[in-house]
Amino acid sequence: MIPRPAPLRLLDSYFASARLAHEYADRLHRKLVELEAHTDHTRELVRESAALSAERMPALARRVRLRERAWEEQDLLDPPAAASTIDRLREEVDELLPQLAALHARQRRIVAELHELVTRAP
């Protein structure tokens, strides 16, 4: 069994980062609620953050995740085929990176805006 391929580790890091960013966005929004400074806009920001990490990113990566399952099986049963699948995974992840980076950037902007609102709240 070979170590997890670099393209999958990269994809995993985007997903982990998105989960952490959303957890922070949620905590910031809870703080705004506590300070009675939440609005429809802040609720929409936290909903968008959730959608980014739980819906949009997984939808983008669906094809790669299917190929990942094939690689896991091949890694155990057909290592030469697994090597070929890693090459295809690399290509597919490379194709996804601009879209994932854009979603990640949007989530960072959401967190920054919520943080700013908490900082300015009375």
N, C-alpha and C. Protein backbone atom coordinates (compact mmCIF):
# COMPACT_ATOMS: atom_id res chain seq x y z
N MET A 1 0.85 -1.19 0.00
CA MET A 1 0.00 0.00 0.00
C MET A 1 0.89 1.24 0.00
N ILE A 2 0.66 2.11 -0.97
CA ILE A 2 1.47 3.32 -1.07
C ILE A 2 0.81 4.45 -0.28
N PRO A 3 1.58 5.47 0.08
CA PRO A 3 0.98 6.60 0.81
C PRO A 3 -0.08 7.31 -0.05
N ARG A 4 -0.92 8.05 0.62
CA ARG A 4 -1.96 8.81 -0.08
C ARG A 4 -1.31 9.73 -1.11
N PRO A 5 -1.78 9.70 -2.35
CA PRO A 5 -1.17 10.51 -3.41
C PRO A 5 -1.28 12.01 -3.15
N ALA A 6 -0.30 12.74 -3.62
CA ALA A 6 -0.25 14.19 -3.42
C ALA A 6 -1.52 14.91 -3.90
N PRO A 7 -2.08 14.55 -5.06
CA PRO A 7 -3.30 15.27 -5.48
C PRO A 7 -4.44 15.11 -4.48
N LEU A 8 -4.55 13.93 -3.87
CA LEU A 8 -5.61 13.73 -2.89
C LEU A 8 -5.31 14.46 -1.59
N ARG A 9 -4.04 14.50 -1.20
CA ARG A 9 -3.69 15.26 0.00
C ARG A 9 -3.99 16.75 -0.20
N LEU A 10 -3.73 17.25 -1.41
CA LEU A 10 -4.04 18.65 -1.71
C LEU A 10 -5.54 18.89 -1.64
N LEU A 11 -6.31 18.02 -2.25
CA LEU A 11 -7.77 18.14 -2.20
C LEU A 11 -8.26 18.06 -0.75
N ASP A 12 -7.72 17.13 0.01
CA ASP A 12 -8.08 17.01 1.42
C ASP A 12 -7.80 18.31 2.18
N SER A 13 -6.69 18.95 1.85
CA SER A 13 -6.34 20.20 2.56
C SER A 13 -7.34 21.31 2.24
N TYR A 14 -7.82 21.37 1.00
CA TYR A 14 -8.86 22.37 0.68
C TYR A 14 -10.13 22.10 1.47
N PHE A 15 -10.52 20.83 1.56
CA PHE A 15 -11.74 20.49 2.29
C PHE A 15 -11.59 20.75 3.79
N ALA A 16 -10.44 20.42 4.34
CA ALA A 16 -10.21 20.68 5.76
C ALA A 16 -10.22 22.18 6.04
N SER A 17 -9.59 22.94 5.18
CA SER A 17 -9.57 24.39 5.33
C SER A 17 -10.98 24.97 5.25
N ALA A 18 -11.78 24.46 4.33
CA ALA A 18 -13.16 24.94 4.20
C ALA A 18 -13.98 24.62 5.45
N ARG A 19 -13.79 23.43 5.99
CA ARG A 19 -14.52 23.07 7.22
C ARG A 19 -14.13 23.98 8.37
N LEU A 20 -12.84 24.21 8.52
CA LEU A 20 -12.37 25.08 9.61
C LEU A 20 -12.86 26.52 9.42
N ALA A 21 -12.81 27.00 8.19
CA ALA A 21 -13.28 28.36 7.91
C ALA A 21 -14.76 28.48 8.23
N HIS A 22 -15.53 27.47 7.86
CA HIS A 22 -16.96 27.55 8.16
C HIS A 22 -17.21 27.48 9.67
N GLU A 23 -16.50 26.64 10.36
CA GLU A 23 -16.66 26.58 11.82
C GLU A 23 -16.37 27.94 12.45
N TYR A 24 -15.34 28.61 11.94
CA TYR A 24 -15.00 29.94 12.46
C TYR A 24 -16.09 30.94 12.09
N ALA A 25 -16.58 30.87 10.85
CA ALA A 25 -17.66 31.77 10.43
C ALA A 25 -18.88 31.57 11.32
N ASP A 26 -19.18 30.33 11.64
CA ASP A 26 -20.32 30.04 12.51
C ASP A 26 -20.11 30.61 13.91
N ARG A 27 -18.90 30.44 14.44
CA ARG A 27 -18.60 31.01 15.77
C ARG A 27 -18.73 32.53 15.75
N LEU A 28 -18.23 33.16 14.67
CA LEU A 28 -18.34 34.62 14.57
C LEU A 28 -19.80 35.04 14.52
N HIS A 29 -20.61 34.30 13.78
CA HIS A 29 -22.01 34.65 13.70
C HIS A 29 -22.71 34.46 15.05
N ARG A 30 -22.35 33.41 15.75
CA ARG A 30 -22.92 33.21 17.10
C ARG A 30 -22.56 34.38 18.01
N LYS A 31 -21.35 34.88 17.85
CA LYS A 31 -20.93 36.05 18.64
C LYS A 31 -21.78 37.26 18.27
N LEU A 32 -22.05 37.43 16.98
CA LEU A 32 -22.91 38.54 16.55
C LEU A 32 -24.32 38.39 17.14
N VAL A 33 -24.82 37.17 17.20
CA VAL A 33 -26.13 36.93 17.81
C VAL A 33 -26.08 37.31 19.28
N GLU A 34 -25.03 36.87 19.95
CA GLU A 34 -24.84 37.18 21.37
C GLU A 34 -24.82 38.69 21.60
N LEU A 35 -24.17 39.41 20.67
CA LEU A 35 -24.06 40.88 20.78
C LEU A 35 -25.29 41.59 20.22
N GLU A 36 -26.27 40.81 19.76
CA GLU A 36 -27.46 41.35 19.12
C GLU A 36 -27.11 42.25 17.93
N ALA A 37 -26.09 41.81 17.19
CA ALA A 37 -25.63 42.56 16.03
C ALA A 37 -25.78 41.77 14.74
N HIS A 38 -26.52 40.66 14.79
CA HIS A 38 -26.73 39.86 13.59
C HIS A 38 -27.85 40.45 12.74
N THR A 39 -27.79 40.18 11.48
CA THR A 39 -28.78 40.69 10.52
C THR A 39 -29.10 39.59 9.52
N ASP A 40 -30.03 39.88 8.64
CA ASP A 40 -30.30 38.94 7.54
C ASP A 40 -29.03 38.73 6.72
N HIS A 41 -28.26 39.80 6.54
CA HIS A 41 -27.02 39.70 5.76
C HIS A 41 -26.02 38.77 6.44
N THR A 42 -25.86 38.86 7.75
CA THR A 42 -24.89 37.98 8.43
C THR A 42 -25.37 36.54 8.40
N ARG A 43 -26.68 36.34 8.51
CA ARG A 43 -27.22 34.97 8.39
C ARG A 43 -26.96 34.42 6.99
N GLU A 44 -27.11 35.26 5.99
CA GLU A 44 -26.85 34.81 4.62
C GLU A 44 -25.36 34.49 4.43
N LEU A 45 -24.48 35.27 5.04
CA LEU A 45 -23.05 34.98 4.94
C LEU A 45 -22.71 33.61 5.53
N VAL A 46 -23.26 33.30 6.69
CA VAL A 46 -22.94 32.02 7.31
C VAL A 46 -23.59 30.87 6.54
N ARG A 47 -24.76 31.11 5.95
CA ARG A 47 -25.38 30.09 5.09
C ARG A 47 -24.52 29.84 3.85
N GLU A 48 -24.01 30.92 3.27
CA GLU A 48 -23.15 30.78 2.09
C GLU A 48 -21.88 30.01 2.44
N SER A 49 -21.31 30.32 3.60
CA SER A 49 -20.12 29.60 4.05
C SER A 49 -20.40 28.11 4.18
N ALA A 50 -21.55 27.77 4.75
CA ALA A 50 -21.92 26.35 4.88
C ALA A 50 -22.08 25.71 3.51
N ALA A 51 -22.72 26.42 2.61
CA ALA A 51 -22.94 25.87 1.26
C ALA A 51 -21.62 25.66 0.53
N LEU A 52 -20.67 26.56 0.72
CA LEU A 52 -19.37 26.40 0.08
C LEU A 52 -18.70 25.11 0.52
N SER A 53 -18.68 24.88 1.82
CA SER A 53 -17.94 23.72 2.34
C SER A 53 -18.72 22.42 2.25
N ALA A 54 -20.03 22.48 2.34
CA ALA A 54 -20.82 21.24 2.40
C ALA A 54 -21.51 20.87 1.08
N GLU A 55 -21.62 21.82 0.16
CA GLU A 55 -22.33 21.53 -1.08
C GLU A 55 -21.49 21.81 -2.33
N ARG A 56 -21.03 23.04 -2.46
CA ARG A 56 -20.37 23.43 -3.71
C ARG A 56 -19.04 22.71 -3.92
N MET A 57 -18.19 22.68 -2.88
CA MET A 57 -16.91 21.99 -3.04
C MET A 57 -17.10 20.49 -3.28
N PRO A 58 -17.93 19.81 -2.50
CA PRO A 58 -18.14 18.38 -2.78
C PRO A 58 -18.71 18.14 -4.18
N ALA A 59 -19.59 19.01 -4.64
CA ALA A 59 -20.15 18.82 -5.99
C ALA A 59 -19.04 18.95 -7.04
N LEU A 60 -18.15 19.92 -6.86
CA LEU A 60 -17.03 20.08 -7.80
C LEU A 60 -16.13 18.86 -7.81
N ALA A 61 -15.93 18.28 -6.65
CA ALA A 61 -14.95 17.20 -6.51
C ALA A 61 -15.56 15.81 -6.67
N ARG A 62 -16.81 15.73 -7.02
CA ARG A 62 -17.49 14.43 -7.09
C ARG A 62 -16.75 13.44 -8.00
N ARG A 63 -16.37 13.88 -9.18
CA ARG A 63 -15.68 12.99 -10.14
C ARG A 63 -14.34 12.51 -9.56
N VAL A 64 -13.62 13.44 -8.93
CA VAL A 64 -12.33 13.06 -8.33
C VAL A 64 -12.53 12.07 -7.19
N ARG A 65 -13.56 12.28 -6.39
CA ARG A 65 -13.82 11.37 -5.27
C ARG A 65 -14.17 9.97 -5.78
N LEU A 66 -14.88 9.89 -6.90
CA LEU A 66 -15.17 8.57 -7.48
C LEU A 66 -13.88 7.89 -7.94
N ARG A 67 -13.01 8.67 -8.58
CA ARG A 67 -11.73 8.11 -9.02
C ARG A 67 -10.87 7.74 -7.80
N GLU A 68 -10.99 8.50 -6.73
CA GLU A 68 -10.26 8.18 -5.50
C GLU A 68 -10.66 6.80 -4.98
N ARG A 69 -11.96 6.50 -5.01
CA ARG A 69 -12.42 5.18 -4.56
C ARG A 69 -11.83 4.08 -5.45
N ALA A 70 -11.79 4.35 -6.75
CA ALA A 70 -11.19 3.37 -7.67
C ALA A 70 -9.71 3.18 -7.34
N TRP A 71 -9.00 4.27 -7.06
CA TRP A 71 -7.59 4.17 -6.72
C TRP A 71 -7.40 3.33 -5.44
N GLU A 72 -8.24 3.57 -4.43
CA GLU A 72 -8.11 2.82 -3.18
C GLU A 72 -8.26 1.32 -3.42
N GLU A 73 -9.20 0.97 -4.26
CA GLU A 73 -9.40 -0.44 -4.59
C GLU A 73 -8.21 -0.99 -5.38
N GLN A 74 -7.78 -0.24 -6.38
CA GLN A 74 -6.65 -0.67 -7.20
C GLN A 74 -5.37 -0.77 -6.38
N ASP A 75 -5.21 0.14 -5.43
CA ASP A 75 -4.01 0.13 -4.60
C ASP A 75 -3.86 -1.21 -3.90
N LEU A 76 -4.98 -1.80 -3.53
CA LEU A 76 -4.95 -3.11 -2.86
C LEU A 76 -4.88 -4.27 -3.85
N LEU A 77 -5.61 -4.15 -4.96
CA LEU A 77 -5.78 -5.30 -5.85
C LEU A 77 -4.96 -5.25 -7.14
N ASP A 78 -4.60 -4.06 -7.59
CA ASP A 78 -3.91 -3.92 -8.88
C ASP A 78 -3.00 -2.69 -8.85
N PRO A 79 -1.87 -2.77 -8.12
CA PRO A 79 -0.99 -1.61 -7.98
C PRO A 79 -0.55 -0.95 -9.29
N PRO A 80 -0.27 -1.68 -10.38
CA PRO A 80 0.08 -0.99 -11.62
C PRO A 80 -1.06 -0.08 -12.13
N ALA A 81 -2.29 -0.54 -12.01
CA ALA A 81 -3.43 0.29 -12.42
C ALA A 81 -3.57 1.50 -11.49
N ALA A 82 -3.24 1.31 -10.22
CA ALA A 82 -3.32 2.41 -9.26
C ALA A 82 -2.38 3.54 -9.66
N ALA A 83 -1.20 3.21 -10.15
CA ALA A 83 -0.24 4.24 -10.58
C ALA A 83 -0.82 5.07 -11.72
N SER A 84 -1.49 4.42 -12.65
CA SER A 84 -2.12 5.13 -13.76
C SER A 84 -3.27 6.01 -13.27
N THR A 85 -4.01 5.53 -12.31
CA THR A 85 -5.12 6.29 -11.75
C THR A 85 -4.61 7.53 -11.02
N ILE A 86 -3.45 7.43 -10.38
CA ILE A 86 -2.87 8.59 -9.71
C ILE A 86 -2.58 9.68 -10.74
N ASP A 87 -2.07 9.30 -11.91
CA ASP A 87 -1.81 10.29 -12.95
C ASP A 87 -3.09 11.01 -13.35
N ARG A 88 -4.16 10.26 -13.51
CA ARG A 88 -5.45 10.87 -13.87
C ARG A 88 -5.99 11.73 -12.74
N LEU A 89 -5.81 11.30 -11.50
CA LEU A 89 -6.22 12.11 -10.35
C LEU A 89 -5.48 13.45 -10.36
N ARG A 90 -4.20 13.41 -10.64
CA ARG A 90 -3.39 14.63 -10.69
C ARG A 90 -3.97 15.60 -11.72
N GLU A 91 -4.30 15.09 -12.90
CA GLU A 91 -4.87 15.93 -13.95
C GLU A 91 -6.21 16.52 -13.52
N GLU A 92 -7.06 15.69 -12.94
CA GLU A 92 -8.38 16.16 -12.53
C GLU A 92 -8.30 17.19 -11.41
N VAL A 93 -7.42 16.96 -10.45
CA VAL A 93 -7.27 17.93 -9.36
C VAL A 93 -6.70 19.23 -9.91
N ASP A 94 -5.74 19.15 -10.81
CA ASP A 94 -5.19 20.36 -11.44
C ASP A 94 -6.28 21.17 -12.13
N GLU A 95 -7.22 20.49 -12.77
CA GLU A 95 -8.34 21.17 -13.42
C GLU A 95 -9.26 21.86 -12.41
N LEU A 96 -9.39 21.26 -11.23
CA LEU A 96 -10.28 21.80 -10.20
C LEU A 96 -9.67 22.96 -9.41
N LEU A 97 -8.36 23.03 -9.36
CA LEU A 97 -7.71 23.99 -8.48
C LEU A 97 -8.19 25.44 -8.64
N PRO A 98 -8.34 25.96 -9.86
CA PRO A 98 -8.82 27.35 -9.95
C PRO A 98 -10.20 27.55 -9.32
N GLN A 99 -11.10 26.59 -9.52
CA GLN A 99 -12.43 26.71 -8.95
C GLN A 99 -12.40 26.57 -7.42
N LEU A 100 -11.61 25.62 -6.94
CA LEU A 100 -11.48 25.45 -5.49
C LEU A 100 -10.86 26.68 -4.85
N ALA A 101 -9.85 27.22 -5.52
CA ALA A 101 -9.19 28.43 -4.99
C ALA A 101 -10.17 29.60 -4.94
N ALA A 102 -11.03 29.71 -5.94
CA ALA A 102 -12.02 30.79 -5.95
C ALA A 102 -13.02 30.62 -4.80
N LEU A 103 -13.48 29.39 -4.57
CA LEU A 103 -14.40 29.15 -3.45
C LEU A 103 -13.71 29.42 -2.12
N HIS A 104 -12.46 29.01 -2.03
CA HIS A 104 -11.69 29.24 -0.80
C HIS A 104 -11.53 30.74 -0.55
N ALA A 105 -11.25 31.48 -1.61
CA ALA A 105 -11.09 32.93 -1.47
C ALA A 105 -12.41 33.57 -1.02
N ARG A 106 -13.52 33.11 -1.58
CA ARG A 106 -14.82 33.64 -1.17
C ARG A 106 -15.06 33.36 0.31
N GLN A 107 -14.72 32.18 0.73
CA GLN A 107 -14.94 31.85 2.14
C GLN A 107 -14.06 32.72 3.04
N ARG A 108 -12.84 32.98 2.62
CA ARG A 108 -11.98 33.87 3.41
C ARG A 108 -12.58 35.27 3.50
N ARG A 109 -13.19 35.73 2.40
CA ARG A 109 -13.82 37.06 2.44
C ARG A 109 -15.02 37.06 3.38
N ILE A 110 -15.79 35.98 3.40
CA ILE A 110 -16.93 35.87 4.31
C ILE A 110 -16.44 35.95 5.75
N VAL A 111 -15.42 35.16 6.08
CA VAL A 111 -14.88 35.16 7.44
C VAL A 111 -14.35 36.55 7.80
N ALA A 112 -13.65 37.18 6.87
CA ALA A 112 -13.11 38.52 7.14
C ALA A 112 -14.23 39.51 7.41
N GLU A 113 -15.30 39.43 6.63
CA GLU A 113 -16.42 40.36 6.84
C GLU A 113 -17.09 40.11 8.19
N LEU A 114 -17.33 38.85 8.53
CA LEU A 114 -17.93 38.55 9.83
C LEU A 114 -17.03 38.99 10.97
N HIS A 115 -15.74 38.77 10.82
CA HIS A 115 -14.78 39.19 11.85
C HIS A 115 -14.83 40.71 12.03
N GLU A 116 -14.86 41.42 10.93
CA GLU A 116 -14.94 42.88 10.99
C GLU A 116 -16.22 43.33 11.70
N LEU A 117 -17.32 42.67 11.40
CA LEU A 117 -18.59 43.03 12.05
C LEU A 117 -18.55 42.76 13.55
N VAL A 118 -17.92 41.67 13.95
CA VAL A 118 -17.78 41.39 15.39
C VAL A 118 -16.91 42.45 16.04
N THR A 119 -15.83 42.80 15.37
CA THR A 119 -14.89 43.81 15.92
C THR A 119 -15.58 45.15 16.10
N ARG A 120 -16.44 45.51 15.18
CA ARG A 120 -17.12 46.82 15.24
C ARG A 120 -18.39 46.80 16.08
N ALA A 121 -18.86 45.63 16.46
CA ALA A 121 -20.12 45.54 17.22
C ALA A 121 -19.96 46.18 18.59
N PRO A 122 -21.04 46.80 19.06
CA PRO A 122 -20.98 47.44 20.39
C PRO A 122 -20.85 46.44 21.53
